[in-house]
Amino acid sequence: MAQLHSVPARAQPEPCETFSGAAGPRLRPYVLGYAGFRSGDGAALAHRVLPVNSATMIVDYEAGGRVVTGPRSDPAVFERTRWGHGVSVGLTPRGVDALLGVPMGELAGASVPLADLLGRDGEELAERLAAAPDWPARFAVLDGLLAERLGRVAGREADGLALHAWARLQARGPAALQPRGPRDGRADAHAAVRIPSIPGAGAPLTSAAWSFPGKSRW
């Protein structure tokens, strides 16, 4: 599942090229989806990061813009949000913990250099993406390297019920937590209370994220 993650901060004469893809089955609890991107002329552009309730890893393998942006309730343009040709990876709260080794709350509202979170793996990822011939091959590189990181990173596991509620919100919007029956209602109400235990995924942020179209591109 791809999301609209960011747009160029200024209108460009040529449209951006985008290509979306799904992560492999093993990665789907951790990865929302992949998107390849290229600006009209391939040059790095300043981007406005939109309100989303997930984290996004961005790897520009030509201009060197490599960052992780966290969930946010307001749009923002950061010094580091410049990219032109590369890939983005949407991460669930579980994915941030398992692949980056930090709780998602530490990324809320921030833009963090990829090297600070992935170390040498970030450099290897950029090199292998640059060597791949096309988007499907690049997504296969992502599948391989991210799968290798599972189990090697000492992250913490977020609250299971809150993760379930977050996933339902991601799929169907705030109405997903409306009670549908006595038993389900108790569970959903409990989840709604506990979802702030995934920092950056509380109700105001989730509502803001749903004001933008999803499932298209970052």
N, C-alpha and C. Protein backbone atom coordinates (compact mmCIF):
# COMPACT_ATOMS: atom_id res chain seq x y z
N MET A 1 0.85 -1.18 0.00
CA MET A 1 0.00 0.00 0.00
C MET A 1 0.89 1.23 0.00
N ALA A 2 0.78 2.06 -1.02
CA ALA A 2 1.54 3.29 -1.09
C ALA A 2 0.71 4.44 -0.57
N GLN A 3 1.37 5.48 -0.08
CA GLN A 3 0.70 6.66 0.43
C GLN A 3 1.26 7.87 -0.28
N LEU A 4 0.48 8.95 -0.31
CA LEU A 4 1.00 10.23 -0.73
C LEU A 4 1.81 10.78 0.43
N HIS A 5 3.12 10.73 0.31
CA HIS A 5 4.01 11.11 1.41
C HIS A 5 4.49 12.55 1.29
N SER A 6 4.80 13.01 0.07
CA SER A 6 5.34 14.35 -0.11
C SER A 6 5.10 14.82 -1.54
N VAL A 7 5.22 16.12 -1.73
CA VAL A 7 5.10 16.73 -3.06
C VAL A 7 6.21 17.76 -3.20
N PRO A 8 6.63 18.08 -4.43
CA PRO A 8 7.64 19.13 -4.59
C PRO A 8 7.17 20.43 -3.92
N ALA A 9 8.08 21.11 -3.26
CA ALA A 9 7.72 22.35 -2.56
C ALA A 9 7.31 23.45 -3.53
N ARG A 10 7.80 23.37 -4.78
CA ARG A 10 7.42 24.33 -5.81
C ARG A 10 6.99 23.57 -7.06
N ALA A 11 6.05 24.14 -7.80
CA ALA A 11 5.58 23.52 -9.04
C ALA A 11 6.75 23.36 -10.01
N GLN A 12 6.76 22.21 -10.71
CA GLN A 12 7.84 21.91 -11.65
C GLN A 12 7.29 21.84 -13.08
N PRO A 13 8.12 22.21 -14.07
CA PRO A 13 7.63 22.19 -15.46
C PRO A 13 7.36 20.78 -15.98
N GLU A 14 8.07 19.79 -15.45
CA GLU A 14 7.89 18.41 -15.90
C GLU A 14 7.37 17.55 -14.75
N PRO A 15 6.46 16.62 -15.03
CA PRO A 15 5.92 15.77 -13.96
C PRO A 15 6.96 14.77 -13.47
N CYS A 16 6.79 14.35 -12.23
CA CYS A 16 7.65 13.31 -11.66
C CYS A 16 7.18 11.94 -12.12
N GLU A 17 8.13 11.05 -12.33
CA GLU A 17 7.83 9.65 -12.62
C GLU A 17 7.73 8.88 -11.31
N THR A 18 6.72 8.05 -11.17
CA THR A 18 6.57 7.22 -9.97
C THR A 18 6.23 5.79 -10.35
N PHE A 19 6.61 4.87 -9.48
CA PHE A 19 6.34 3.45 -9.71
C PHE A 19 6.18 2.81 -8.35
N SER A 20 5.05 2.18 -8.08
CA SER A 20 4.80 1.61 -6.75
C SER A 20 4.88 0.10 -6.78
N GLY A 21 5.16 -0.48 -5.62
CA GLY A 21 5.24 -1.93 -5.51
C GLY A 21 5.01 -2.38 -4.08
N ALA A 22 4.65 -3.64 -3.92
CA ALA A 22 4.40 -4.23 -2.60
C ALA A 22 5.65 -4.91 -2.08
N ALA A 23 5.81 -4.91 -0.77
CA ALA A 23 6.90 -5.65 -0.15
C ALA A 23 6.59 -7.14 -0.19
N GLY A 24 7.63 -7.96 -0.04
CA GLY A 24 7.44 -9.39 0.01
C GLY A 24 6.60 -9.81 1.20
N PRO A 25 5.98 -11.00 1.16
CA PRO A 25 5.07 -11.43 2.23
C PRO A 25 5.67 -11.35 3.63
N ARG A 26 6.93 -11.72 3.79
CA ARG A 26 7.55 -11.71 5.12
C ARG A 26 7.63 -10.30 5.70
N LEU A 27 7.73 -9.30 4.83
CA LEU A 27 7.93 -7.93 5.28
C LEU A 27 6.64 -7.16 5.49
N ARG A 28 5.51 -7.70 5.09
CA ARG A 28 4.28 -6.91 5.08
C ARG A 28 3.79 -6.45 6.45
N PRO A 29 4.09 -7.15 7.56
CA PRO A 29 3.74 -6.56 8.86
C PRO A 29 4.57 -5.32 9.19
N TYR A 30 5.66 -5.12 8.46
CA TYR A 30 6.61 -4.06 8.78
C TYR A 30 6.64 -2.94 7.73
N VAL A 31 6.31 -3.28 6.50
CA VAL A 31 6.47 -2.36 5.37
C VAL A 31 5.12 -2.13 4.70
N LEU A 32 4.71 -0.87 4.59
CA LEU A 32 3.44 -0.53 3.92
C LEU A 32 3.53 -0.67 2.42
N GLY A 33 4.69 -0.40 1.85
CA GLY A 33 4.85 -0.49 0.41
C GLY A 33 6.09 0.27 -0.04
N TYR A 34 6.41 0.11 -1.32
CA TYR A 34 7.55 0.79 -1.92
C TYR A 34 7.06 1.75 -2.99
N ALA A 35 7.84 2.80 -3.22
CA ALA A 35 7.58 3.70 -4.34
C ALA A 35 8.90 4.15 -4.93
N GLY A 36 9.03 4.03 -6.25
CA GLY A 36 10.17 4.60 -6.94
C GLY A 36 9.80 5.98 -7.44
N PHE A 37 10.75 6.88 -7.49
CA PHE A 37 10.45 8.24 -7.94
C PHE A 37 11.63 8.81 -8.72
N ARG A 38 11.30 9.70 -9.64
CA ARG A 38 12.31 10.45 -10.38
C ARG A 38 11.71 11.78 -10.76
N SER A 39 12.37 12.88 -10.41
CA SER A 39 11.88 14.20 -10.81
C SER A 39 11.97 14.34 -12.32
N GLY A 40 11.32 15.35 -12.87
CA GLY A 40 11.27 15.50 -14.32
C GLY A 40 12.62 15.47 -14.99
N ASP A 41 13.63 16.13 -14.39
CA ASP A 41 14.98 16.13 -14.96
C ASP A 41 15.97 15.33 -14.13
N GLY A 42 15.48 14.64 -13.09
CA GLY A 42 16.35 13.83 -12.25
C GLY A 42 17.07 14.59 -11.16
N ALA A 43 16.96 15.93 -11.15
CA ALA A 43 17.65 16.73 -10.13
C ALA A 43 16.91 16.67 -8.80
N ALA A 44 17.66 16.82 -7.71
CA ALA A 44 17.05 16.82 -6.38
C ALA A 44 16.22 18.08 -6.17
N LEU A 45 15.02 17.91 -5.64
CA LEU A 45 14.10 19.02 -5.40
C LEU A 45 13.74 19.07 -3.92
N ALA A 46 13.50 20.26 -3.41
CA ALA A 46 12.95 20.39 -2.07
C ALA A 46 11.52 19.86 -2.08
N HIS A 47 11.16 19.08 -1.07
CA HIS A 47 9.83 18.48 -0.98
C HIS A 47 9.11 18.95 0.29
N ARG A 48 7.80 19.06 0.16
CA ARG A 48 6.94 19.33 1.31
C ARG A 48 6.40 17.98 1.79
N VAL A 49 6.75 17.61 3.02
CA VAL A 49 6.30 16.35 3.60
C VAL A 49 4.89 16.56 4.16
N LEU A 50 3.97 15.71 3.76
CA LEU A 50 2.56 15.86 4.13
C LEU A 50 2.24 15.14 5.44
N PRO A 51 1.12 15.48 6.08
CA PRO A 51 0.72 14.76 7.30
C PRO A 51 0.41 13.29 7.00
N VAL A 52 1.11 12.40 7.65
CA VAL A 52 0.86 10.96 7.54
C VAL A 52 1.02 10.34 8.92
N ASN A 53 0.43 9.16 9.12
CA ASN A 53 0.55 8.50 10.43
C ASN A 53 1.48 7.30 10.36
N SER A 54 2.51 7.41 9.52
CA SER A 54 3.52 6.36 9.40
C SER A 54 4.88 7.02 9.19
N ALA A 55 5.93 6.23 9.20
CA ALA A 55 7.28 6.72 8.91
C ALA A 55 7.66 6.32 7.49
N THR A 56 8.54 7.10 6.87
CA THR A 56 8.97 6.82 5.50
C THR A 56 10.48 6.92 5.40
N MET A 57 11.08 5.88 4.84
CA MET A 57 12.52 5.87 4.57
C MET A 57 12.73 6.25 3.11
N ILE A 58 13.56 7.26 2.86
CA ILE A 58 13.79 7.76 1.51
C ILE A 58 15.26 7.59 1.17
N VAL A 59 15.54 6.94 0.03
CA VAL A 59 16.91 6.70 -0.41
C VAL A 59 17.06 7.25 -1.82
N ASP A 60 17.71 8.40 -1.95
CA ASP A 60 18.07 8.94 -3.26
C ASP A 60 19.48 8.43 -3.55
N TYR A 61 19.61 7.56 -4.55
CA TYR A 61 20.91 6.93 -4.79
C TYR A 61 21.73 7.70 -5.82
N GLU A 62 21.28 8.88 -6.24
CA GLU A 62 22.07 9.71 -7.14
C GLU A 62 22.52 11.00 -6.45
N ALA A 63 21.58 11.75 -5.86
CA ALA A 63 21.93 13.03 -5.24
C ALA A 63 22.32 12.89 -3.78
N GLY A 64 22.12 11.72 -3.21
CA GLY A 64 22.55 11.50 -1.83
C GLY A 64 21.57 11.88 -0.75
N GLY A 65 20.32 12.26 -1.10
CA GLY A 65 19.32 12.57 -0.09
C GLY A 65 18.79 11.29 0.52
N ARG A 66 19.18 10.99 1.75
CA ARG A 66 18.80 9.73 2.40
C ARG A 66 18.35 10.04 3.81
N VAL A 67 17.06 9.93 4.05
CA VAL A 67 16.48 10.33 5.33
C VAL A 67 15.35 9.40 5.71
N VAL A 68 14.96 9.49 6.97
CA VAL A 68 13.72 8.88 7.44
C VAL A 68 12.86 10.01 8.00
N THR A 69 11.66 10.14 7.49
CA THR A 69 10.73 11.13 8.02
C THR A 69 9.69 10.42 8.88
N GLY A 70 9.36 11.03 10.00
CA GLY A 70 8.42 10.41 10.93
C GLY A 70 7.00 10.87 10.70
N PRO A 71 6.06 10.29 11.44
CA PRO A 71 4.66 10.71 11.34
C PRO A 71 4.53 12.15 11.79
N ARG A 72 3.54 12.84 11.23
CA ARG A 72 3.38 14.26 11.57
C ARG A 72 1.94 14.67 11.36
N SER A 73 1.53 15.74 12.04
CA SER A 73 0.17 16.26 11.90
C SER A 73 0.11 17.51 11.05
N ASP A 74 1.27 18.06 10.66
CA ASP A 74 1.31 19.27 9.83
C ASP A 74 2.32 19.07 8.71
N PRO A 75 2.10 19.70 7.54
CA PRO A 75 3.10 19.63 6.47
C PRO A 75 4.36 20.37 6.87
N ALA A 76 5.50 19.97 6.29
CA ALA A 76 6.77 20.61 6.66
C ALA A 76 7.77 20.47 5.52
N VAL A 77 8.66 21.45 5.42
CA VAL A 77 9.81 21.38 4.52
C VAL A 77 11.05 21.49 5.40
N PHE A 78 11.91 20.46 5.35
CA PHE A 78 13.13 20.45 6.15
C PHE A 78 14.34 20.64 5.25
N GLU A 79 15.45 20.97 5.88
CA GLU A 79 16.70 21.11 5.13
C GLU A 79 17.05 19.81 4.41
N ARG A 80 16.70 18.67 5.01
CA ARG A 80 17.08 17.38 4.44
C ARG A 80 16.07 16.83 3.44
N THR A 81 14.94 17.48 3.26
CA THR A 81 13.91 16.89 2.40
C THR A 81 14.12 17.29 0.94
N ARG A 82 15.29 16.92 0.42
CA ARG A 82 15.61 17.14 -1.00
C ARG A 82 15.98 15.80 -1.62
N TRP A 83 15.25 15.41 -2.64
CA TRP A 83 15.55 14.17 -3.35
C TRP A 83 15.03 14.27 -4.78
N GLY A 84 15.61 13.44 -5.66
CA GLY A 84 15.23 13.52 -7.06
C GLY A 84 15.05 12.18 -7.74
N HIS A 85 15.84 11.17 -7.37
CA HIS A 85 15.77 9.87 -8.05
C HIS A 85 16.12 8.78 -7.05
N GLY A 86 15.13 8.00 -6.67
CA GLY A 86 15.38 6.95 -5.70
C GLY A 86 14.12 6.21 -5.33
N VAL A 87 14.08 5.70 -4.10
CA VAL A 87 12.94 4.92 -3.63
C VAL A 87 12.52 5.41 -2.25
N SER A 88 11.26 5.18 -1.92
CA SER A 88 10.77 5.43 -0.57
C SER A 88 10.10 4.16 -0.05
N VAL A 89 10.19 3.97 1.25
CA VAL A 89 9.67 2.77 1.91
C VAL A 89 8.78 3.23 3.06
N GLY A 90 7.50 2.91 3.01
CA GLY A 90 6.59 3.22 4.10
C GLY A 90 6.70 2.18 5.20
N LEU A 91 6.85 2.62 6.44
CA LEU A 91 7.06 1.71 7.56
C LEU A 91 5.92 1.80 8.57
N THR A 92 5.46 0.66 9.03
CA THR A 92 4.49 0.59 10.12
C THR A 92 5.21 0.84 11.44
N PRO A 93 4.46 1.05 12.54
CA PRO A 93 5.14 1.16 13.84
C PRO A 93 6.01 -0.06 14.15
N ARG A 94 5.51 -1.25 13.82
CA ARG A 94 6.32 -2.46 14.04
C ARG A 94 7.57 -2.44 13.16
N GLY A 95 7.45 -1.92 11.94
CA GLY A 95 8.59 -1.85 11.04
C GLY A 95 9.66 -0.89 11.53
N VAL A 96 9.24 0.25 12.09
CA VAL A 96 10.21 1.19 12.64
C VAL A 96 11.00 0.53 13.77
N ASP A 97 10.29 -0.17 14.66
CA ASP A 97 10.96 -0.87 15.76
C ASP A 97 11.91 -1.95 15.25
N ALA A 98 11.41 -2.79 14.35
CA ALA A 98 12.15 -3.97 13.94
C ALA A 98 13.29 -3.67 12.98
N LEU A 99 13.12 -2.67 12.11
CA LEU A 99 14.11 -2.40 11.08
C LEU A 99 15.05 -1.25 11.41
N LEU A 100 14.56 -0.29 12.18
CA LEU A 100 15.39 0.87 12.52
C LEU A 100 15.87 0.86 13.96
N GLY A 101 15.23 0.05 14.81
CA GLY A 101 15.68 -0.09 16.19
C GLY A 101 15.29 1.03 17.11
N VAL A 102 14.29 1.83 16.73
CA VAL A 102 13.81 2.92 17.59
C VAL A 102 12.29 2.89 17.61
N PRO A 103 11.66 3.40 18.68
CA PRO A 103 10.20 3.53 18.68
C PRO A 103 9.78 4.65 17.73
N MET A 104 8.60 4.50 17.12
CA MET A 104 8.18 5.48 16.13
C MET A 104 8.03 6.87 16.74
N GLY A 105 7.73 6.95 18.04
CA GLY A 105 7.59 8.25 18.67
C GLY A 105 8.84 9.11 18.59
N GLU A 106 10.02 8.48 18.53
CA GLU A 106 11.26 9.24 18.43
C GLU A 106 11.41 9.93 17.08
N LEU A 107 10.63 9.49 16.09
CA LEU A 107 10.70 10.08 14.75
C LEU A 107 9.57 11.07 14.49
N ALA A 108 8.62 11.19 15.41
CA ALA A 108 7.44 12.02 15.17
C ALA A 108 7.84 13.46 14.87
N GLY A 109 7.38 13.97 13.73
CA GLY A 109 7.64 15.34 13.34
C GLY A 109 9.06 15.62 12.90
N ALA A 110 9.90 14.58 12.75
CA ALA A 110 11.32 14.79 12.49
C ALA A 110 11.73 14.28 11.11
N SER A 111 12.93 14.69 10.70
CA SER A 111 13.59 14.18 9.51
C SER A 111 15.00 13.80 9.94
N VAL A 112 15.32 12.49 9.92
CA VAL A 112 16.55 11.97 10.50
C VAL A 112 17.43 11.38 9.39
N PRO A 113 18.74 11.69 9.36
CA PRO A 113 19.60 11.07 8.35
C PRO A 113 19.54 9.55 8.42
N LEU A 114 19.44 8.92 7.26
CA LEU A 114 19.34 7.46 7.22
C LEU A 114 20.54 6.80 7.87
N ALA A 115 21.72 7.39 7.71
CA ALA A 115 22.94 6.80 8.27
C ALA A 115 22.87 6.71 9.79
N ASP A 116 22.14 7.62 10.44
CA ASP A 116 22.03 7.58 11.90
C ASP A 116 21.24 6.37 12.37
N LEU A 117 20.41 5.81 11.50
CA LEU A 117 19.55 4.69 11.88
C LEU A 117 20.01 3.36 11.28
N LEU A 118 20.55 3.39 10.06
CA LEU A 118 20.95 2.15 9.39
C LEU A 118 22.45 1.93 9.38
N GLY A 119 23.25 2.97 9.63
CA GLY A 119 24.70 2.81 9.59
C GLY A 119 25.17 2.36 8.21
N ARG A 120 26.09 1.40 8.21
CA ARG A 120 26.67 0.91 6.94
C ARG A 120 25.62 0.27 6.05
N ASP A 121 24.56 -0.28 6.61
CA ASP A 121 23.50 -0.88 5.79
C ASP A 121 22.88 0.15 4.86
N GLY A 122 22.82 1.42 5.29
CA GLY A 122 22.26 2.45 4.44
C GLY A 122 23.10 2.69 3.21
N GLU A 123 24.43 2.69 3.37
CA GLU A 123 25.33 2.87 2.23
C GLU A 123 25.23 1.69 1.28
N GLU A 124 25.21 0.48 1.83
CA GLU A 124 25.09 -0.71 0.97
C GLU A 124 23.77 -0.69 0.21
N LEU A 125 22.70 -0.28 0.88
CA LEU A 125 21.40 -0.22 0.23
C LEU A 125 21.43 0.74 -0.95
N ALA A 126 21.99 1.94 -0.76
CA ALA A 126 22.05 2.91 -1.84
C ALA A 126 22.88 2.39 -3.01
N GLU A 127 24.00 1.74 -2.71
CA GLU A 127 24.86 1.21 -3.77
C GLU A 127 24.15 0.14 -4.58
N ARG A 128 23.46 -0.76 -3.90
CA ARG A 128 22.79 -1.84 -4.62
C ARG A 128 21.57 -1.35 -5.39
N LEU A 129 20.87 -0.35 -4.85
CA LEU A 129 19.75 0.23 -5.59
C LEU A 129 20.24 0.91 -6.86
N ALA A 130 21.36 1.63 -6.77
CA ALA A 130 21.91 2.32 -7.95
C ALA A 130 22.33 1.33 -9.03
N ALA A 131 22.78 0.15 -8.63
CA ALA A 131 23.24 -0.85 -9.60
C ALA A 131 22.10 -1.64 -10.23
N ALA A 132 20.92 -1.62 -9.62
CA ALA A 132 19.78 -2.39 -10.16
C ALA A 132 19.26 -1.74 -11.44
N PRO A 133 18.81 -2.54 -12.43
CA PRO A 133 18.47 -1.99 -13.74
C PRO A 133 17.10 -1.33 -13.84
N ASP A 134 16.15 -1.67 -12.96
CA ASP A 134 14.80 -1.13 -13.11
C ASP A 134 14.09 -1.16 -11.75
N TRP A 135 12.85 -0.63 -11.72
CA TRP A 135 12.13 -0.55 -10.44
C TRP A 135 11.86 -1.92 -9.83
N PRO A 136 11.36 -2.92 -10.57
CA PRO A 136 11.15 -4.22 -9.93
C PRO A 136 12.42 -4.79 -9.31
N ALA A 137 13.55 -4.60 -9.99
CA ALA A 137 14.82 -5.10 -9.44
C ALA A 137 15.20 -4.34 -8.17
N ARG A 138 14.92 -3.03 -8.14
CA ARG A 138 15.22 -2.25 -6.94
C ARG A 138 14.34 -2.68 -5.77
N PHE A 139 13.07 -2.97 -6.06
CA PHE A 139 12.20 -3.43 -4.98
C PHE A 139 12.65 -4.80 -4.47
N ALA A 140 13.20 -5.63 -5.36
CA ALA A 140 13.74 -6.92 -4.92
C ALA A 140 14.96 -6.72 -4.02
N VAL A 141 15.78 -5.72 -4.33
CA VAL A 141 16.91 -5.38 -3.45
C VAL A 141 16.41 -4.98 -2.07
N LEU A 142 15.37 -4.14 -2.03
CA LEU A 142 14.79 -3.74 -0.75
C LEU A 142 14.29 -4.95 0.03
N ASP A 143 13.57 -5.84 -0.65
CA ASP A 143 13.08 -7.05 0.02
C ASP A 143 14.23 -7.82 0.67
N GLY A 144 15.31 -7.99 -0.08
CA GLY A 144 16.42 -8.78 0.43
C GLY A 144 17.12 -8.15 1.61
N LEU A 145 17.48 -6.87 1.49
CA LEU A 145 18.23 -6.22 2.56
C LEU A 145 17.38 -5.98 3.81
N LEU A 146 16.12 -5.62 3.63
CA LEU A 146 15.27 -5.40 4.80
C LEU A 146 14.99 -6.71 5.52
N ALA A 147 14.79 -7.79 4.77
CA ALA A 147 14.58 -9.09 5.40
C ALA A 147 15.80 -9.51 6.21
N GLU A 148 16.99 -9.19 5.70
CA GLU A 148 18.21 -9.52 6.42
C GLU A 148 18.30 -8.78 7.76
N ARG A 149 17.74 -7.57 7.81
CA ARG A 149 17.81 -6.79 9.05
C ARG A 149 16.87 -7.32 10.13
N LEU A 150 15.81 -7.99 9.74
CA LEU A 150 14.88 -8.54 10.74
C LEU A 150 15.63 -9.53 11.63
N GLY A 151 15.52 -9.36 12.89
CA GLY A 151 16.22 -10.24 13.82
C GLY A 151 17.60 -9.75 14.20
N ARG A 152 18.18 -8.85 13.40
CA ARG A 152 19.50 -8.30 13.74
C ARG A 152 19.40 -7.00 14.52
N VAL A 153 18.21 -6.39 14.52
CA VAL A 153 18.04 -5.08 15.13
C VAL A 153 17.34 -5.25 16.47
N ALA A 154 17.90 -4.63 17.50
CA ALA A 154 17.34 -4.74 18.85
C ALA A 154 16.32 -3.63 19.06
N GLY A 155 15.12 -3.82 18.57
CA GLY A 155 14.05 -2.84 18.79
C GLY A 155 13.13 -3.32 19.89
N ARG A 156 12.13 -2.53 20.21
CA ARG A 156 11.12 -2.94 21.19
C ARG A 156 9.84 -3.25 20.43
N GLU A 157 9.00 -4.07 20.99
CA GLU A 157 7.72 -4.42 20.35
C GLU A 157 6.63 -3.52 20.90
N ALA A 158 5.95 -2.81 20.02
CA ALA A 158 4.86 -1.93 20.45
C ALA A 158 3.67 -2.76 20.92
N ASP A 159 2.76 -2.11 21.64
CA ASP A 159 1.55 -2.74 22.17
C ASP A 159 0.78 -3.44 21.05
N GLY A 160 0.50 -4.75 21.22
CA GLY A 160 -0.14 -5.52 20.16
C GLY A 160 -1.52 -5.03 19.79
N LEU A 161 -2.36 -4.72 20.79
CA LEU A 161 -3.71 -4.26 20.50
C LEU A 161 -3.68 -2.89 19.83
N ALA A 162 -2.77 -2.02 20.29
CA ALA A 162 -2.65 -0.71 19.67
C ALA A 162 -2.18 -0.83 18.23
N LEU A 163 -1.28 -1.78 17.96
CA LEU A 163 -0.84 -2.01 16.58
C LEU A 163 -2.02 -2.45 15.71
N HIS A 164 -2.87 -3.31 16.25
CA HIS A 164 -4.04 -3.77 15.50
C HIS A 164 -4.95 -2.59 15.17
N ALA A 165 -5.17 -1.71 16.16
CA ALA A 165 -6.01 -0.54 15.92
C ALA A 165 -5.39 0.38 14.88
N TRP A 166 -4.07 0.57 14.96
CA TRP A 166 -3.38 1.42 13.99
C TRP A 166 -3.55 0.86 12.58
N ALA A 167 -3.42 -0.46 12.44
CA ALA A 167 -3.57 -1.08 11.13
C ALA A 167 -4.97 -0.88 10.58
N ARG A 168 -5.98 -0.97 11.44
CA ARG A 168 -7.36 -0.77 10.97
C ARG A 168 -7.59 0.68 10.56
N LEU A 169 -7.02 1.61 11.32
CA LEU A 169 -7.13 3.02 10.94
C LEU A 169 -6.44 3.27 9.61
N GLN A 170 -5.29 2.65 9.41
CA GLN A 170 -4.55 2.83 8.17
C GLN A 170 -5.36 2.32 6.98
N ALA A 171 -6.07 1.22 7.19
CA ALA A 171 -6.82 0.61 6.09
C ALA A 171 -8.16 1.27 5.82
N ARG A 172 -8.86 1.72 6.91
CA ARG A 172 -10.24 2.14 6.70
C ARG A 172 -10.59 3.49 7.30
N GLY A 173 -9.65 4.17 7.93
CA GLY A 173 -9.94 5.48 8.49
C GLY A 173 -10.53 5.40 9.89
N PRO A 174 -10.82 6.56 10.52
CA PRO A 174 -11.30 6.58 11.91
C PRO A 174 -12.54 5.75 12.15
N ALA A 175 -13.41 5.55 11.14
CA ALA A 175 -14.62 4.76 11.33
C ALA A 175 -14.30 3.31 11.69
N ALA A 176 -13.05 2.89 11.45
CA ALA A 176 -12.68 1.50 11.74
C ALA A 176 -12.80 1.17 13.22
N LEU A 177 -12.74 2.17 14.10
CA LEU A 177 -12.81 1.90 15.53
C LEU A 177 -14.19 2.10 16.11
N GLN A 178 -15.21 2.31 15.28
CA GLN A 178 -16.57 2.41 15.78
C GLN A 178 -17.07 1.04 16.21
N PRO A 179 -17.70 0.90 17.36
CA PRO A 179 -18.17 -0.42 17.81
C PRO A 179 -19.16 -1.03 16.83
N ARG A 180 -19.00 -2.32 16.57
CA ARG A 180 -19.93 -3.05 15.70
C ARG A 180 -20.75 -4.06 16.48
N GLY A 181 -20.44 -4.24 17.74
CA GLY A 181 -21.16 -5.18 18.59
C GLY A 181 -20.58 -5.09 19.98
N PRO A 182 -21.26 -5.64 21.00
CA PRO A 182 -20.77 -5.49 22.38
C PRO A 182 -19.35 -5.98 22.57
N ARG A 183 -19.05 -7.17 22.07
CA ARG A 183 -17.71 -7.72 22.29
C ARG A 183 -16.67 -6.93 21.51
N ASP A 184 -16.96 -6.70 20.22
CA ASP A 184 -16.02 -5.97 19.38
C ASP A 184 -15.87 -4.54 19.87
N GLY A 185 -16.98 -3.96 20.35
CA GLY A 185 -16.94 -2.58 20.83
C GLY A 185 -16.00 -2.41 22.00
N ARG A 186 -16.01 -3.38 22.93
CA ARG A 186 -15.11 -3.27 24.07
C ARG A 186 -13.66 -3.31 23.62
N ALA A 187 -13.36 -4.22 22.70
CA ALA A 187 -11.98 -4.35 22.22
C ALA A 187 -11.54 -3.10 21.49
N ASP A 188 -12.44 -2.55 20.63
CA ASP A 188 -12.06 -1.37 19.86
C ASP A 188 -11.92 -0.15 20.74
N ALA A 189 -12.80 -0.01 21.75
CA ALA A 189 -12.67 1.13 22.66
C ALA A 189 -11.36 1.05 23.42
N HIS A 190 -11.01 -0.17 23.85
CA HIS A 190 -9.75 -0.38 24.55
C HIS A 190 -8.58 -0.02 23.65
N ALA A 191 -8.66 -0.44 22.39
CA ALA A 191 -7.60 -0.13 21.44
C ALA A 191 -7.50 1.36 21.20
N ALA A 192 -8.64 2.04 21.12
CA ALA A 192 -8.62 3.48 20.88
C ALA A 192 -7.94 4.22 22.02
N VAL A 193 -8.12 3.71 23.25
CA VAL A 193 -7.47 4.33 24.39
C VAL A 193 -5.97 4.07 24.35
N ARG A 194 -5.59 2.88 23.92
CA ARG A 194 -4.19 2.48 23.99
C ARG A 194 -3.37 2.87 22.77
N ILE A 195 -4.02 3.30 21.68
CA ILE A 195 -3.25 3.60 20.49
C ILE A 195 -2.23 4.71 20.70
N PRO A 196 -2.43 5.67 21.64
CA PRO A 196 -1.34 6.63 21.88
C PRO A 196 -0.06 5.98 22.38
N SER A 197 -0.08 4.68 22.78
CA SER A 197 1.16 4.02 23.17
C SER A 197 2.07 3.81 21.98
N ILE A 198 1.56 4.02 20.75
CA ILE A 198 2.41 4.12 19.58
C ILE A 198 2.56 5.61 19.32
N PRO A 199 3.57 6.27 19.85
CA PRO A 199 3.67 7.72 19.72
C PRO A 199 3.64 8.13 18.25
N GLY A 200 2.95 9.24 17.99
CA GLY A 200 2.83 9.69 16.62
C GLY A 200 1.66 9.08 15.90
N ALA A 201 0.86 8.26 16.58
CA ALA A 201 -0.28 7.62 15.94
C ALA A 201 -1.57 7.92 16.68
N GLY A 202 -1.62 9.02 17.42
CA GLY A 202 -2.82 9.38 18.17
C GLY A 202 -3.91 9.93 17.27
N ALA A 203 -5.07 10.21 17.85
CA ALA A 203 -6.24 10.60 17.07
C ALA A 203 -6.05 11.86 16.24
N PRO A 204 -5.49 12.97 16.78
CA PRO A 204 -5.36 14.17 15.94
C PRO A 204 -4.50 13.92 14.71
N LEU A 205 -3.39 13.18 14.88
CA LEU A 205 -2.52 12.90 13.75
C LEU A 205 -3.21 12.00 12.74
N THR A 206 -3.91 10.98 13.24
CA THR A 206 -4.59 10.07 12.34
C THR A 206 -5.64 10.81 11.53
N SER A 207 -6.41 11.68 12.16
CA SER A 207 -7.42 12.44 11.43
C SER A 207 -6.80 13.32 10.36
N ALA A 208 -5.66 13.97 10.70
CA ALA A 208 -5.00 14.82 9.72
C ALA A 208 -4.50 14.00 8.54
N ALA A 209 -3.99 12.80 8.83
CA ALA A 209 -3.46 11.98 7.75
C ALA A 209 -4.54 11.60 6.76
N TRP A 210 -5.76 11.42 7.25
CA TRP A 210 -6.82 10.99 6.35
C TRP A 210 -7.38 12.13 5.51
N SER A 211 -6.88 13.36 5.69
CA SER A 211 -7.35 14.46 4.85
C SER A 211 -6.65 14.50 3.51
N PHE A 212 -5.69 13.60 3.28
CA PHE A 212 -4.98 13.53 2.02
C PHE A 212 -5.24 12.19 1.34
N PRO A 213 -5.26 12.16 0.00
CA PRO A 213 -5.50 10.90 -0.69
C PRO A 213 -4.34 9.94 -0.48
N GLY A 214 -4.65 8.66 -0.43
CA GLY A 214 -3.62 7.66 -0.25
C GLY A 214 -3.59 6.69 -1.42
N LYS A 215 -2.75 5.68 -1.27
CA LYS A 215 -2.65 4.59 -2.22
C LYS A 215 -2.31 5.08 -3.63
N SER A 216 -1.43 6.06 -3.74
CA SER A 216 -1.04 6.50 -5.06
C SER A 216 0.47 6.59 -5.17
N ARG A 217 1.07 7.55 -4.46
CA ARG A 217 2.51 7.68 -4.53
C ARG A 217 2.96 8.53 -3.36
N TRP A 218 4.31 8.56 -3.14
CA TRP A 218 4.87 9.44 -2.12
C TRP A 218 5.45 10.64 -2.81
